[in-house]
């Protein structure tokens, strides 16, 4: 049996809009300010935990919020990921 894995995010699909919306939804749900797109795009790509830790550190926020942010991000991203992602 052959198995093929495709990384469509960032190669075939532009998912920046749903990523930004889900990230800012998670931030808002935890009482944090929204992340402007110009600050977010440079963080897209690394693992979510690292991205959130870096963003919180840059903003002087408590990185203990990362597990909550990850859960809220995933809950927000799942329903919009396919709908709002654009193909290249």
N, C-alpha and C. Protein backbone atom coordinates (compact mmCIF):
# COMPACT_ATOMS: atom_id res chain seq x y z
N UNK A 1 0.84 -1.17 0.00
CA UNK A 1 0.00 0.00 0.00
C UNK A 1 0.89 1.24 0.00
N UNK A 2 0.57 2.17 -0.87
CA UNK A 2 1.29 3.44 -0.91
C UNK A 2 0.50 4.50 -0.16
N UNK A 3 1.21 5.31 0.57
CA UNK A 3 0.59 6.41 1.30
C UNK A 3 1.21 7.71 0.82
N UNK A 4 0.36 8.67 0.53
CA UNK A 4 0.82 9.98 0.09
C UNK A 4 0.29 11.03 1.03
N UNK A 5 1.15 11.91 1.44
CA UNK A 5 0.76 13.04 2.28
C UNK A 5 0.98 14.32 1.49
N UNK A 6 0.02 15.19 1.54
CA UNK A 6 0.12 16.47 0.86
C UNK A 6 0.01 17.59 1.88
N UNK A 7 0.93 18.50 1.84
CA UNK A 7 0.86 19.69 2.67
C UNK A 7 0.27 20.80 1.80
N UNK A 8 -1.04 20.93 1.87
CA UNK A 8 -1.70 21.91 1.00
C UNK A 8 -1.67 23.31 1.58
N UNK A 9 -1.52 23.42 2.89
CA UNK A 9 -1.54 24.72 3.55
C UNK A 9 -0.29 25.51 3.20
N UNK A 10 -0.47 26.59 2.48
CA UNK A 10 0.65 27.43 2.09
C UNK A 10 1.25 27.06 0.75
N UNK A 11 0.85 25.91 0.20
CA UNK A 11 1.34 25.53 -1.12
C UNK A 11 0.23 25.55 -2.15
N UNK A 12 -0.89 24.95 -1.83
CA UNK A 12 -2.05 24.96 -2.73
C UNK A 12 -3.18 25.83 -2.19
N UNK A 13 -3.16 26.05 -0.88
CA UNK A 13 -4.24 26.78 -0.22
C UNK A 13 -3.65 27.92 0.61
N UNK A 14 -4.25 29.09 0.47
CA UNK A 14 -3.89 30.25 1.29
C UNK A 14 -4.85 30.29 2.48
N UNK A 15 -4.37 29.87 3.63
CA UNK A 15 -5.23 29.79 4.81
C UNK A 15 -4.97 30.91 5.80
N UNK A 16 -4.35 31.97 5.32
CA UNK A 16 -4.03 33.07 6.24
C UNK A 16 -5.28 33.71 6.85
N UNK A 17 -6.34 33.89 6.07
CA UNK A 17 -7.54 34.53 6.62
C UNK A 17 -8.15 33.72 7.75
N UNK A 18 -8.42 32.42 7.55
CA UNK A 18 -8.98 31.68 8.70
C UNK A 18 -8.01 31.57 9.87
N UNK A 19 -6.71 31.53 9.61
CA UNK A 19 -5.73 31.50 10.70
C UNK A 19 -5.83 32.79 11.51
N UNK A 20 -5.85 33.93 10.84
CA UNK A 20 -5.94 35.21 11.53
C UNK A 20 -7.24 35.32 12.33
N UNK A 21 -8.35 34.95 11.71
CA UNK A 21 -9.64 35.04 12.40
C UNK A 21 -9.68 34.12 13.63
N UNK A 22 -9.19 32.90 13.48
CA UNK A 22 -9.21 31.96 14.59
C UNK A 22 -8.25 32.40 15.70
N UNK A 23 -7.10 32.90 15.32
CA UNK A 23 -6.14 33.37 16.31
C UNK A 23 -6.72 34.54 17.10
N UNK A 24 -7.30 35.50 16.40
CA UNK A 24 -7.85 36.65 17.09
C UNK A 24 -9.09 36.29 17.90
N UNK A 25 -9.84 35.30 17.47
CA UNK A 25 -10.95 34.81 18.27
C UNK A 25 -10.44 34.23 19.58
N UNK A 26 -9.39 33.43 19.51
CA UNK A 26 -8.79 32.86 20.71
C UNK A 26 -8.24 33.94 21.63
N UNK A 27 -7.59 34.91 21.05
CA UNK A 27 -7.03 36.01 21.85
C UNK A 27 -8.17 36.74 22.57
N UNK A 28 -9.21 37.07 21.83
CA UNK A 28 -10.35 37.80 22.39
C UNK A 28 -11.01 37.01 23.52
N UNK A 29 -11.20 35.72 23.30
CA UNK A 29 -11.85 34.88 24.32
C UNK A 29 -11.05 34.84 25.62
N UNK A 30 -9.77 35.18 25.53
CA UNK A 30 -8.91 35.16 26.71
C UNK A 30 -8.51 36.56 27.16
N UNK A 31 -9.25 37.57 26.71
CA UNK A 31 -9.04 38.94 27.16
C UNK A 31 -7.82 39.62 26.60
N UNK A 32 -7.30 39.14 25.47
CA UNK A 32 -6.10 39.71 24.85
C UNK A 32 -6.47 40.50 23.60
N UNK A 33 -5.64 41.46 23.27
CA UNK A 33 -5.87 42.29 22.08
C UNK A 33 -5.63 41.49 20.81
N UNK A 34 -6.33 41.87 19.76
CA UNK A 34 -6.18 41.24 18.45
C UNK A 34 -4.76 41.43 17.92
N UNK A 35 -4.35 40.52 17.07
CA UNK A 35 -3.03 40.58 16.45
C UNK A 35 -3.19 41.17 15.05
N UNK A 36 -2.55 42.30 14.76
CA UNK A 36 -2.65 42.87 13.42
C UNK A 36 -2.01 41.92 12.40
N UNK A 37 -2.57 41.87 11.17
CA UNK A 37 -2.05 40.95 10.15
C UNK A 37 -0.55 41.07 9.92
N UNK A 38 0.00 42.28 9.93
CA UNK A 38 1.43 42.44 9.66
C UNK A 38 2.30 41.81 10.74
N UNK A 39 1.76 41.68 11.94
CA UNK A 39 2.50 41.00 13.02
C UNK A 39 2.30 39.49 12.97
N UNK A 40 1.19 39.06 12.39
CA UNK A 40 0.88 37.63 12.37
C UNK A 40 1.59 36.89 11.25
N UNK A 41 1.62 37.44 10.06
CA UNK A 41 2.10 36.69 8.88
C UNK A 41 3.50 36.14 9.07
N UNK A 42 4.34 36.86 9.77
CA UNK A 42 5.71 36.36 9.95
C UNK A 42 5.78 35.16 10.89
N UNK A 43 4.67 34.89 11.61
CA UNK A 43 4.63 33.77 12.53
C UNK A 43 3.93 32.54 11.95
N UNK A 44 3.29 32.69 10.82
CA UNK A 44 2.55 31.57 10.24
C UNK A 44 3.54 30.55 9.70
N UNK A 45 3.36 29.31 10.08
CA UNK A 45 4.24 28.24 9.61
C UNK A 45 4.78 27.38 10.72
N UNK A 46 5.38 27.99 11.76
CA UNK A 46 5.88 27.17 12.86
C UNK A 46 4.72 26.50 13.62
N UNK A 47 5.03 25.55 14.48
CA UNK A 47 3.98 24.93 15.29
C UNK A 47 3.18 25.98 16.07
N UNK A 48 1.89 25.71 16.24
CA UNK A 48 0.99 26.67 16.89
C UNK A 48 1.48 27.06 18.28
N UNK A 49 1.95 26.11 19.06
CA UNK A 49 2.42 26.43 20.41
C UNK A 49 3.56 27.45 20.36
N UNK A 50 4.52 27.24 19.48
CA UNK A 50 5.64 28.16 19.35
C UNK A 50 5.17 29.54 18.89
N UNK A 51 4.26 29.55 17.92
CA UNK A 51 3.72 30.82 17.43
C UNK A 51 3.07 31.61 18.56
N UNK A 52 2.22 30.94 19.33
CA UNK A 52 1.52 31.62 20.42
C UNK A 52 2.48 32.06 21.53
N UNK A 53 3.44 31.22 21.87
CA UNK A 53 4.43 31.61 22.88
C UNK A 53 5.18 32.86 22.45
N UNK A 54 5.60 32.88 21.19
CA UNK A 54 6.35 34.03 20.67
C UNK A 54 5.49 35.29 20.67
N UNK A 55 4.25 35.18 20.20
CA UNK A 55 3.37 36.34 20.18
C UNK A 55 3.12 36.88 21.58
N UNK A 56 2.87 35.99 22.53
CA UNK A 56 2.63 36.44 23.90
C UNK A 56 3.87 37.07 24.50
N UNK A 57 5.03 36.47 24.28
CA UNK A 57 6.28 37.04 24.80
C UNK A 57 6.52 38.43 24.22
N UNK A 58 6.30 38.59 22.91
CA UNK A 58 6.51 39.89 22.26
C UNK A 58 5.59 40.96 22.83
N UNK A 59 4.42 40.54 23.31
CA UNK A 59 3.43 41.48 23.83
C UNK A 59 3.49 41.60 25.34
N UNK A 60 4.42 40.89 25.97
CA UNK A 60 4.54 40.95 27.43
C UNK A 60 3.40 40.27 28.16
N UNK A 61 2.79 39.28 27.51
CA UNK A 61 1.68 38.55 28.11
C UNK A 61 2.18 37.23 28.70
N UNK A 62 1.38 36.65 29.57
CA UNK A 62 1.72 35.41 30.27
C UNK A 62 1.61 34.22 29.32
N UNK A 63 2.70 33.51 29.11
CA UNK A 63 2.70 32.35 28.22
C UNK A 63 1.96 31.15 28.81
N UNK A 64 1.55 31.24 30.07
CA UNK A 64 0.75 30.17 30.66
C UNK A 64 -0.62 30.07 29.98
N UNK A 65 -0.99 31.09 29.22
CA UNK A 65 -2.26 31.09 28.49
C UNK A 65 -2.22 30.24 27.23
N UNK A 66 -1.05 29.80 26.83
CA UNK A 66 -0.91 29.08 25.56
C UNK A 66 -1.85 27.87 25.44
N UNK A 67 -1.95 26.98 26.42
CA UNK A 67 -2.87 25.84 26.26
C UNK A 67 -4.33 26.27 26.03
N UNK A 68 -4.77 27.30 26.73
CA UNK A 68 -6.13 27.82 26.53
C UNK A 68 -6.28 28.40 25.13
N UNK A 69 -5.28 29.14 24.69
CA UNK A 69 -5.32 29.74 23.36
C UNK A 69 -5.35 28.67 22.27
N UNK A 70 -4.59 27.62 22.46
CA UNK A 70 -4.58 26.53 21.47
C UNK A 70 -5.97 25.90 21.36
N UNK A 71 -6.59 25.60 22.49
CA UNK A 71 -7.93 25.02 22.47
C UNK A 71 -8.94 25.95 21.80
N UNK A 72 -8.89 27.22 22.15
CA UNK A 72 -9.83 28.18 21.57
C UNK A 72 -9.54 28.41 20.09
N UNK A 73 -8.27 28.43 19.72
CA UNK A 73 -7.90 28.57 18.31
C UNK A 73 -8.47 27.41 17.49
N UNK A 74 -8.26 26.20 17.96
CA UNK A 74 -8.73 25.02 17.22
C UNK A 74 -10.24 24.99 17.11
N UNK A 75 -10.92 25.39 18.18
CA UNK A 75 -12.39 25.43 18.14
C UNK A 75 -12.88 26.46 17.13
N UNK A 76 -12.18 27.58 17.01
CA UNK A 76 -12.58 28.63 16.06
C UNK A 76 -12.16 28.29 14.63
N UNK A 77 -11.01 27.64 14.48
CA UNK A 77 -10.46 27.37 13.14
C UNK A 77 -11.22 26.27 12.41
N UNK A 78 -11.59 25.24 13.11
CA UNK A 78 -12.20 24.06 12.48
C UNK A 78 -13.40 24.42 11.60
N UNK A 79 -14.37 25.19 12.07
CA UNK A 79 -15.55 25.44 11.22
C UNK A 79 -15.32 26.41 10.06
N UNK A 80 -14.24 27.19 10.12
CA UNK A 80 -14.02 28.17 9.04
C UNK A 80 -12.86 27.84 8.13
N UNK A 81 -12.09 26.83 8.47
CA UNK A 81 -10.85 26.56 7.75
C UNK A 81 -11.06 26.28 6.26
N UNK A 82 -12.01 25.44 5.93
CA UNK A 82 -12.24 25.10 4.52
C UNK A 82 -13.00 26.21 3.82
N UNK A 83 -13.98 26.76 4.51
CA UNK A 83 -14.83 27.79 3.91
C UNK A 83 -14.05 29.04 3.51
N UNK A 84 -13.13 29.47 4.35
CA UNK A 84 -12.44 30.75 4.13
C UNK A 84 -11.06 30.63 3.49
N UNK A 85 -10.53 29.44 3.39
CA UNK A 85 -9.23 29.27 2.75
C UNK A 85 -9.40 29.45 1.24
N UNK A 86 -8.46 30.13 0.65
CA UNK A 86 -8.51 30.38 -0.80
C UNK A 86 -7.45 29.53 -1.50
N UNK A 87 -7.77 29.05 -2.69
CA UNK A 87 -6.79 28.30 -3.45
C UNK A 87 -5.90 29.28 -4.21
N UNK A 88 -4.66 28.88 -4.39
CA UNK A 88 -3.73 29.73 -5.15
C UNK A 88 -3.99 29.55 -6.63
